[in-house]
Amino acid sequence: MNPGFPTFGRMQDGVFVEVLKNYTLPDFILKLIAKTCNSKLLERGRLYNKLQSMNDESLVLLHKIFVECQNDDAGKFMQYRFYAYVYSIYPKCEFLVNHSIPGLKSNHKVAVAIKSNGVYVAVAINKVSDNQINKKDITKFFEIISDIKNGEYGELFTDAIYCSSVGFRPEALVQLESLIDKTQNDFENKMYFKTVIFDDGMYSLVNI
């Protein structure tokens, strides 16, 4: 586990604002929650002041997602935590949700795309339910990343993150390692893959 990764579900007592102010909560998540709960939201200022501007319903929802680590049937709570995790890695970059990126052969819609100075640098996807990630899933992921890398906007694209709340099959990780070894001999154009699991309120790297 990287100690810099955000952890959730560790604080259970105290006023919601006092608890939530200690979490990495990006502005766009606050905006989504505020819209869902018909809440006002202070556009600028410290996180503490923004939280204070939100209504009780939105604070309760944020607490359920990030402190209690609850899940909902639609998987939105897990997705919000996933967004916060990716944001913690690229806090200074442009964060694009459910974004389509042109590749060499086709367009690819990804859960998160990251831009730095207007250029794509990273992509992240997340699996929140059903079976563990298998060889077919990992191969499809690798093909998408490779196509984006080889496309018009892939010159500075270097990072690919696959998050999972359901785990990875061992053979999937072996498959990814094999694909990387076979295709990425050019160091200047090398892609860096991360496989990450969410478990017990924490994101942890899974070794490939």
Protein backbone atom coordinates (compact mmCIF):
# COMPACT_ATOMS: atom_id res chain seq x y z
CA MET A 1 0.00 0.00 0.00
CA ASN A 2 1.24 3.46 -0.85
CA PRO A 3 0.89 5.68 2.26
CA GLY A 4 -0.06 8.59 0.03
CA PHE A 5 -3.28 6.93 -1.13
CA PRO A 6 -6.49 8.29 0.42
CA THR A 7 -8.22 6.00 2.90
CA PHE A 8 -11.89 6.08 3.73
CA GLY A 9 -14.08 4.88 6.56
CA ARG A 10 -11.63 5.51 9.42
CA MET A 11 -13.49 8.28 11.28
CA GLN A 12 -16.91 7.67 12.76
CA ASP A 13 -17.51 10.30 15.45
CA GLY A 14 -18.03 14.05 15.56
CA VAL A 15 -19.88 16.60 13.48
CA PHE A 16 -20.02 15.69 9.80
CA VAL A 17 -18.28 18.85 8.62
CA GLU A 18 -15.46 18.38 11.14
CA VAL A 19 -14.94 14.84 9.87
CA LEU A 20 -15.34 15.50 6.16
CA LYS A 21 -12.93 18.45 6.12
CA ASN A 22 -10.09 15.93 6.61
CA TYR A 23 -10.91 14.06 3.40
CA THR A 24 -9.71 14.70 -0.13
CA LEU A 25 -12.98 15.85 -1.67
CA PRO A 26 -12.58 17.40 -5.13
CA ASP A 27 -14.81 20.31 -6.08
CA PHE A 28 -16.53 18.39 -8.87
CA ILE A 29 -17.66 15.72 -6.37
CA LEU A 30 -19.06 18.39 -4.07
CA LYS A 31 -20.91 19.85 -7.06
CA LEU A 32 -22.37 16.46 -8.03
CA ILE A 33 -23.54 15.78 -4.48
CA ALA A 34 -24.95 19.30 -4.10
CA LYS A 35 -26.90 18.88 -7.34
CA THR A 36 -28.21 15.47 -6.26
CA CYS A 37 -29.38 16.88 -2.91
CA ASN A 38 -30.61 20.27 -4.18
CA SER A 39 -28.02 21.98 -1.99
CA LYS A 40 -26.28 25.30 -2.21
CA LEU A 41 -22.49 25.17 -2.54
CA LEU A 42 -19.93 27.89 -1.97
CA GLU A 43 -17.92 28.05 -5.21
CA ARG A 44 -14.65 29.31 -3.70
CA GLY A 45 -12.75 29.12 -0.46
CA ARG A 46 -11.58 26.40 1.88
CA LEU A 47 -13.13 22.94 1.91
CA TYR A 48 -14.44 23.59 5.43
CA ASN A 49 -16.41 26.63 4.26
CA LYS A 50 -17.73 24.78 1.22
CA LEU A 51 -18.98 21.95 3.41
CA GLN A 52 -20.64 24.40 5.77
CA SER A 53 -22.53 25.89 2.84
CA MET A 54 -24.10 22.51 1.96
CA ASN A 55 -27.40 21.23 3.32
CA ASP A 56 -27.81 18.37 5.80
CA GLU A 57 -28.86 15.87 3.13
CA SER A 58 -25.68 16.40 1.12
CA LEU A 59 -23.46 16.13 4.22
CA VAL A 60 -25.16 12.89 5.23
CA LEU A 61 -24.59 11.51 1.73
CA LEU A 62 -20.91 12.53 1.72
CA HIS A 63 -20.52 10.91 5.14
CA LYS A 64 -22.09 7.67 3.89
CA ILE A 65 -19.79 7.57 0.85
CA PHE A 66 -16.43 8.60 2.31
CA VAL A 67 -16.60 7.96 6.05
CA GLU A 68 -18.95 5.01 6.45
CA CYS A 69 -17.89 3.55 3.07
CA GLN A 70 -21.42 2.44 2.28
CA ASN A 71 -22.39 1.12 -1.13
CA ASP A 72 -25.51 1.67 -3.20
CA ASP A 73 -27.17 -0.60 -5.73
CA ALA A 74 -26.15 1.57 -8.68
CA GLY A 75 -22.46 1.60 -7.69
CA LYS A 76 -22.31 5.39 -7.59
CA PHE A 77 -20.80 5.51 -4.10
CA MET A 78 -17.87 3.36 -5.22
CA GLN A 79 -17.46 5.53 -8.29
CA TYR A 80 -17.24 8.69 -6.17
CA ARG A 81 -14.49 7.08 -4.07
CA PHE A 82 -12.73 6.05 -7.27
CA TYR A 83 -12.84 9.65 -8.52
CA ALA A 84 -11.36 10.90 -5.25
CA TYR A 85 -8.56 8.33 -5.47
CA VAL A 86 -7.58 9.26 -9.03
CA TYR A 87 -7.84 12.96 -8.19
CA SER A 88 -5.38 12.43 -5.32
CA ILE A 89 -2.77 11.26 -7.85
CA TYR A 90 -3.31 14.15 -10.28
CA PRO A 91 -4.55 17.06 -8.12
CA LYS A 92 -3.16 19.78 -10.40
CA CYS A 93 -4.52 18.36 -13.64
CA GLU A 94 -7.74 18.64 -15.61
CA PHE A 95 -10.13 15.86 -14.59
CA LEU A 96 -12.59 14.58 -17.21
CA VAL A 97 -15.34 12.11 -16.28
CA ASN A 98 -16.95 9.65 -18.75
CA HIS A 99 -14.81 11.11 -21.48
CA SER A 100 -14.30 9.94 -25.05
CA ILE A 101 -10.74 9.88 -26.43
CA PRO A 102 -9.93 9.20 -30.10
CA GLY A 103 -7.52 6.34 -30.64
CA LEU A 104 -5.78 5.19 -33.79
CA LYS A 105 -8.64 2.88 -34.78
CA SER A 106 -11.67 4.13 -32.83
CA ASN A 107 -12.94 6.36 -30.04
CA HIS A 108 -12.84 5.08 -26.48
CA LYS A 109 -15.07 6.23 -23.63
CA VAL A 110 -13.24 6.02 -20.31
CA ALA A 111 -14.35 6.62 -16.73
CA VAL A 112 -11.63 9.22 -16.15
CA ALA A 113 -9.22 11.00 -18.46
CA ILE A 114 -6.49 13.27 -17.13
CA LYS A 115 -5.03 16.22 -18.99
CA SER A 116 -1.96 18.26 -18.10
CA ASN A 117 -1.51 21.57 -19.92
CA GLY A 118 -4.21 20.51 -22.36
CA VAL A 119 -2.59 17.16 -23.22
CA TYR A 120 -3.80 13.68 -22.27
CA VAL A 121 -1.45 12.04 -19.77
CA ALA A 122 -3.52 9.34 -18.05
CA VAL A 123 -6.67 7.22 -18.16
CA ALA A 124 -8.37 5.35 -15.32
CA ILE A 125 -11.26 2.89 -15.30
CA ASN A 126 -13.06 1.15 -12.46
CA LYS A 127 -15.00 -2.09 -11.97
CA VAL A 128 -17.39 -1.98 -9.01
CA SER A 129 -19.44 -5.19 -9.27
CA ASP A 130 -19.86 -8.67 -10.77
CA ASN A 131 -16.94 -11.07 -11.20
CA GLN A 132 -13.26 -10.42 -10.65
CA ILE A 133 -11.30 -8.93 -13.53
CA ASN A 134 -10.25 -11.76 -15.85
CA LYS A 135 -7.90 -12.21 -18.82
CA LYS A 136 -10.53 -10.99 -21.29
CA ASP A 137 -11.14 -7.81 -19.27
CA ILE A 138 -7.43 -7.04 -18.93
CA THR A 139 -6.75 -7.71 -22.61
CA LYS A 140 -9.53 -5.34 -23.65
CA PHE A 141 -8.14 -2.70 -21.28
CA PHE A 142 -4.65 -3.09 -22.73
CA GLU A 143 -5.95 -2.84 -26.30
CA ILE A 144 -7.85 0.37 -25.49
CA ILE A 145 -4.79 1.92 -23.87
CA SER A 146 -2.55 0.90 -26.76
CA ASP A 147 -4.97 2.33 -29.32
CA ILE A 148 -5.14 5.66 -27.46
CA LYS A 149 -1.35 5.73 -27.15
CA ASN A 150 -0.95 5.17 -30.90
CA GLY A 151 -3.59 7.75 -31.80
CA GLU A 152 -3.42 11.45 -32.52
CA TYR A 153 -3.48 12.47 -28.85
CA GLY A 154 -1.23 9.76 -27.40
CA GLU A 155 2.20 11.36 -27.62
CA LEU A 156 2.44 12.29 -23.92
CA PHE A 157 -0.06 9.71 -22.69
CA THR A 158 1.87 7.56 -20.18
CA ASP A 159 -0.33 6.30 -17.31
CA ALA A 160 -3.11 3.70 -17.31
CA ILE A 161 -4.92 2.75 -14.09
CA TYR A 162 -7.32 -0.17 -13.67
CA CYS A 163 -9.19 -0.03 -10.35
CA SER A 164 -11.36 -2.81 -9.02
CA SER A 165 -13.66 -3.29 -6.04
CA VAL A 166 -14.10 -6.97 -6.92
CA GLY A 167 -10.48 -8.03 -7.27
CA PHE A 168 -8.27 -9.41 -10.04
CA ARG A 169 -7.88 -13.02 -11.06
CA PRO A 170 -4.18 -14.03 -10.88
CA GLU A 171 -4.19 -15.04 -14.55
CA ALA A 172 -5.38 -11.53 -15.49
CA LEU A 173 -2.32 -9.98 -13.87
CA VAL A 174 -0.08 -12.53 -15.60
CA GLN A 175 -1.76 -11.68 -18.89
CA LEU A 176 -1.15 -7.95 -18.44
CA GLU A 177 2.50 -8.53 -17.61
CA SER A 178 2.87 -10.68 -20.72
CA LEU A 179 1.23 -8.06 -22.95
CA ILE A 180 3.49 -5.35 -21.55
CA ASP A 181 6.63 -7.44 -22.07
CA LYS A 182 5.70 -8.32 -25.65
CA THR A 183 4.77 -4.87 -26.92
CA GLN A 184 6.58 -2.19 -24.96
CA ASN A 185 10.22 -2.26 -25.97
CA ASP A 186 10.46 1.44 -26.83
CA PHE A 187 11.34 3.18 -23.55
CA GLU A 188 10.45 6.66 -24.85
CA ASN A 189 6.91 5.52 -25.66
CA LYS A 190 6.46 3.20 -22.69
CA MET A 191 3.13 3.06 -20.87
CA TYR A 192 2.97 2.64 -17.10
CA PHE A 193 0.15 0.38 -15.92
CA LYS A 194 -1.24 0.30 -12.38
CA THR A 195 -3.68 -2.29 -11.09
CA VAL A 196 -5.40 -1.10 -7.93
CA ILE A 197 -7.87 -2.78 -5.59
CA PHE A 198 -10.31 -1.09 -3.23
CA ASP A 199 -10.83 -3.10 -0.05
CA ASP A 200 -11.58 -2.27 3.59
CA GLY A 201 -11.86 1.46 2.85
CA MET A 202 -8.46 1.65 1.18
CA TYR A 203 -6.91 1.70 -2.29
CA SER A 204 -3.86 -0.53 -2.66
CA LEU A 205 -1.63 -1.39 -5.58
CA VAL A 206 -1.75 -4.97 -6.82
CA ASN A 207 1.59 -6.13 -8.18
CA ILE A 208 1.54 -7.09 -11.82
